[in-house]
Amino acid sequence: ATLTATPSPTLQVTEPFALNTFEVFYVSQDPAVPEPSLFSILADGTNDGLIEDRMRDVAFAPDGFTFAFVRDVIADSGARAPEIFVTTLGDTGIVTQVTRLGAADTASPSFSPDASHLVFSSSAGGSAASSSYSSPLDKASRALTPSPRGSAAASINRWTPLAAASSRTSAMRVSA
């Protein structure tokens, strides 16, 4: 019998990413302010700064730049109601309001994989309990569609299979 030596694999070491290439986003609230704010910081602890005031339940789209968030809106009656908005990191001054529900607990937005829809929970329509809803993000339609009870969307309002590992209040982006 002839034995053939198997070559040992060559060890390849990949240089780790520098911490200053990771931008981390987080929501924090000053107890003196009624709503939290969105901040960013590089993973090495530098460049900590405010992105925008009055944002919570932040969810990034797959592109890493577009994001949805919840902000309280004051209705004509003077009551505060949480509504969902969409903007981009490049220009948080341009904000699109996605919902106009006036419900007490609209929350937890999440983008579809192609970023064409948002799914979120709300007690819209006077329901005592929250249901999941989806909303198309194209300008032509703002119709809300309740998810059927017992559907996957009704039980979890996230599109990602990593929902258990994701956080509504933080995200990370790698700079090119």
Protein backbone atom coordinates (compact mmCIF):
# COMPACT_ATOMS: atom_id res chain seq x y z
CA ALA A 1 0.00 0.00 0.00
CA THR A 2 1.22 3.46 -0.89
CA LEU A 3 0.66 6.28 1.57
CA THR A 4 0.27 9.80 0.25
CA ALA A 5 0.97 12.67 2.61
CA THR A 6 -1.82 15.20 2.94
CA PRO A 7 -0.47 18.74 2.97
CA SER A 8 -1.17 20.70 6.14
CA PRO A 9 -3.58 23.58 5.66
CA THR A 10 -2.00 27.00 5.52
CA LEU A 11 -3.06 29.21 8.39
CA GLN A 12 -4.60 32.40 7.06
CA VAL A 13 -4.91 35.27 9.47
CA THR A 14 -7.42 37.94 8.63
CA GLU A 15 -6.66 41.37 9.97
CA PRO A 16 -9.46 42.43 12.36
CA PHE A 17 -11.55 45.48 11.54
CA ALA A 18 -10.39 48.61 13.31
CA LEU A 19 -12.89 49.70 15.96
CA ASN A 20 -13.12 53.16 14.41
CA THR A 21 -14.81 51.59 11.35
CA PHE A 22 -17.87 50.42 13.34
CA GLU A 23 -20.61 52.95 14.03
CA VAL A 24 -22.96 51.96 16.85
CA PHE A 25 -26.39 53.55 17.25
CA TYR A 26 -28.25 53.71 20.53
CA VAL A 27 -31.26 55.35 22.11
CA SER A 28 -30.89 57.12 25.44
CA GLN A 29 -33.24 59.25 27.48
CA ASP A 30 -32.65 62.17 29.77
CA PRO A 31 -35.18 61.86 32.64
CA ALA A 32 -36.03 65.55 32.19
CA VAL A 33 -37.11 65.00 28.55
CA PRO A 34 -40.39 63.23 27.61
CA GLU A 35 -38.91 61.12 24.77
CA PRO A 36 -35.53 59.45 24.14
CA SER A 37 -33.03 60.52 21.48
CA LEU A 38 -30.92 58.63 18.92
CA PHE A 39 -27.13 58.81 19.24
CA SER A 40 -24.18 57.27 17.44
CA ILE A 41 -20.63 56.49 18.54
CA LEU A 42 -17.70 54.74 16.91
CA ALA A 43 -16.89 51.40 18.53
CA ASP A 44 -13.57 52.79 19.78
CA GLY A 45 -15.51 55.32 21.90
CA THR A 46 -14.88 58.38 19.73
CA ASN A 47 -17.29 60.65 17.85
CA ASP A 48 -20.19 60.27 20.28
CA GLY A 49 -23.03 62.47 19.10
CA LEU A 50 -26.73 63.15 18.85
CA ILE A 51 -28.39 62.04 15.61
CA GLU A 52 -31.90 63.30 16.38
CA ASP A 53 -34.18 64.07 19.32
CA ARG A 54 -37.50 62.38 20.05
CA MET A 55 -36.88 58.90 18.61
CA ARG A 56 -37.53 55.46 20.06
CA ASP A 57 -38.08 51.92 18.73
CA VAL A 58 -35.49 52.55 16.01
CA ALA A 59 -35.31 49.90 13.25
CA PHE A 60 -32.84 50.05 10.35
CA ALA A 61 -33.73 48.98 6.80
CA PRO A 62 -31.49 46.45 5.03
CA ASP A 63 -29.59 49.31 3.33
CA GLY A 64 -28.21 50.38 6.74
CA PHE A 65 -29.04 54.06 6.17
CA THR A 66 -32.84 54.25 6.11
CA PHE A 67 -34.55 53.77 9.45
CA ALA A 68 -37.98 53.82 11.02
CA PHE A 69 -38.73 55.13 14.48
CA VAL A 70 -41.58 56.00 16.80
CA ARG A 71 -42.24 59.57 17.93
CA ASP A 72 -45.15 61.03 19.87
CA VAL A 73 -47.43 63.35 17.92
CA ILE A 74 -49.79 65.76 19.63
CA ALA A 75 -53.31 65.41 18.22
CA ASP A 76 -55.83 68.24 17.80
CA SER A 77 -57.35 67.12 21.10
CA GLY A 78 -53.98 67.72 22.82
CA ALA A 79 -53.46 64.00 23.50
CA ARG A 80 -50.09 62.41 22.68
CA ALA A 81 -50.08 59.40 20.34
CA PRO A 82 -47.07 57.42 19.11
CA GLU A 83 -46.71 57.33 15.32
CA ILE A 84 -44.14 55.74 13.00
CA PHE A 85 -41.79 57.80 10.82
CA VAL A 86 -39.05 56.98 8.28
CA THR A 87 -35.87 58.95 7.52
CA THR A 88 -32.23 58.41 6.51
CA LEU A 89 -28.97 58.92 8.35
CA GLY A 90 -27.86 61.32 5.62
CA ASP A 91 -30.68 63.78 6.29
CA THR A 92 -32.73 63.31 9.46
CA GLY A 93 -34.35 66.67 8.70
CA ILE A 94 -36.47 65.00 5.99
CA VAL A 95 -38.91 62.75 7.83
CA THR A 96 -41.92 60.89 6.38
CA GLN A 97 -44.79 60.04 8.72
CA VAL A 98 -45.94 56.50 7.89
CA THR A 99 -48.84 56.11 10.34
CA ARG A 100 -51.61 58.45 11.46
CA LEU A 101 -53.43 56.12 13.81
CA GLY A 102 -53.82 58.06 17.04
CA ALA A 103 -53.59 54.73 18.89
CA ALA A 104 -52.19 54.53 22.41
CA ASP A 105 -49.45 52.01 21.70
CA THR A 106 -48.15 52.00 18.11
CA ALA A 107 -44.62 50.56 18.36
CA SER A 108 -41.93 48.11 17.18
CA PRO A 109 -41.47 48.92 13.49
CA SER A 110 -39.51 46.45 11.35
CA PHE A 111 -38.66 46.58 7.63
CA SER A 112 -39.42 43.83 5.14
CA PRO A 113 -36.28 42.32 3.54
CA ASP A 114 -36.76 44.49 0.43
CA ALA A 115 -37.62 47.57 2.56
CA SER A 116 -40.94 48.06 0.73
CA HIS A 117 -43.09 47.49 3.85
CA LEU A 118 -43.03 48.03 7.59
CA VAL A 119 -44.65 45.74 10.09
CA PHE A 120 -45.50 47.12 13.53
CA SER A 121 -47.82 46.60 16.46
CA SER A 122 -50.71 48.87 17.38
CA SER A 123 -54.06 48.96 19.10
CA ALA A 124 -55.46 50.92 16.13
CA GLY A 125 -59.18 50.69 15.57
CA GLY A 126 -59.97 50.78 19.28
CA SER A 127 -58.72 47.28 20.02
CA ALA A 128 -57.79 46.75 23.66
CA ALA A 129 -54.91 44.48 22.64
CA SER A 130 -52.18 45.23 20.13
CA SER A 131 -52.27 43.57 16.72
CA SER A 132 -49.58 43.46 14.05
CA TYR A 133 -50.03 45.64 10.98
CA SER A 134 -48.12 46.12 7.75
CA SER A 135 -47.84 49.30 5.73
CA PRO A 136 -46.39 49.74 2.24
CA LEU A 137 -43.77 52.48 2.07
CA ASP A 138 -44.47 53.64 -1.47
CA LYS A 139 -46.00 57.08 -1.75
CA ALA A 140 -49.09 55.77 -3.59
CA SER A 141 -50.59 53.87 -0.69
CA ARG A 142 -50.74 54.21 3.06
CA ALA A 143 -53.39 51.56 3.68
CA LEU A 144 -52.88 49.49 6.80
CA THR A 145 -53.45 45.77 6.70
CA PRO A 146 -54.02 43.92 9.97
CA SER A 147 -52.14 40.64 10.04
CA PRO A 148 -54.46 37.64 10.40
CA ARG A 149 -54.65 36.32 13.97
CA GLY A 150 -52.48 33.28 14.39
CA SER A 151 -50.18 34.26 11.48
CA ALA A 152 -46.43 34.54 11.92
CA ALA A 153 -46.66 38.33 11.64
CA ALA A 154 -49.31 38.47 14.36
CA SER A 155 -47.11 36.54 16.76
CA ILE A 156 -43.84 38.35 16.00
CA ASN A 157 -43.53 41.63 14.18
CA ARG A 158 -40.08 41.07 12.71
CA TRP A 159 -39.09 39.74 9.31
CA THR A 160 -35.65 38.54 10.28
CA PRO A 161 -34.96 34.99 11.50
CA LEU A 162 -32.50 36.59 13.93
CA ALA A 163 -35.26 38.50 15.71
CA ALA A 164 -34.35 37.04 19.08
CA ALA A 165 -30.82 38.38 18.71
CA SER A 166 -31.79 41.82 17.41
CA SER A 167 -32.52 44.91 19.44
CA ARG A 168 -35.03 47.61 18.67
CA THR A 169 -32.86 50.22 20.30
CA SER A 170 -29.42 49.56 18.84
CA ALA A 171 -27.79 48.81 15.53
CA MET A 172 -24.32 48.64 14.06
CA ARG A 173 -22.96 49.60 10.65
CA VAL A 174 -19.51 48.90 9.18
CA SER A 175 -17.99 51.81 7.25
CA ALA A 176 -16.46 51.00 3.89
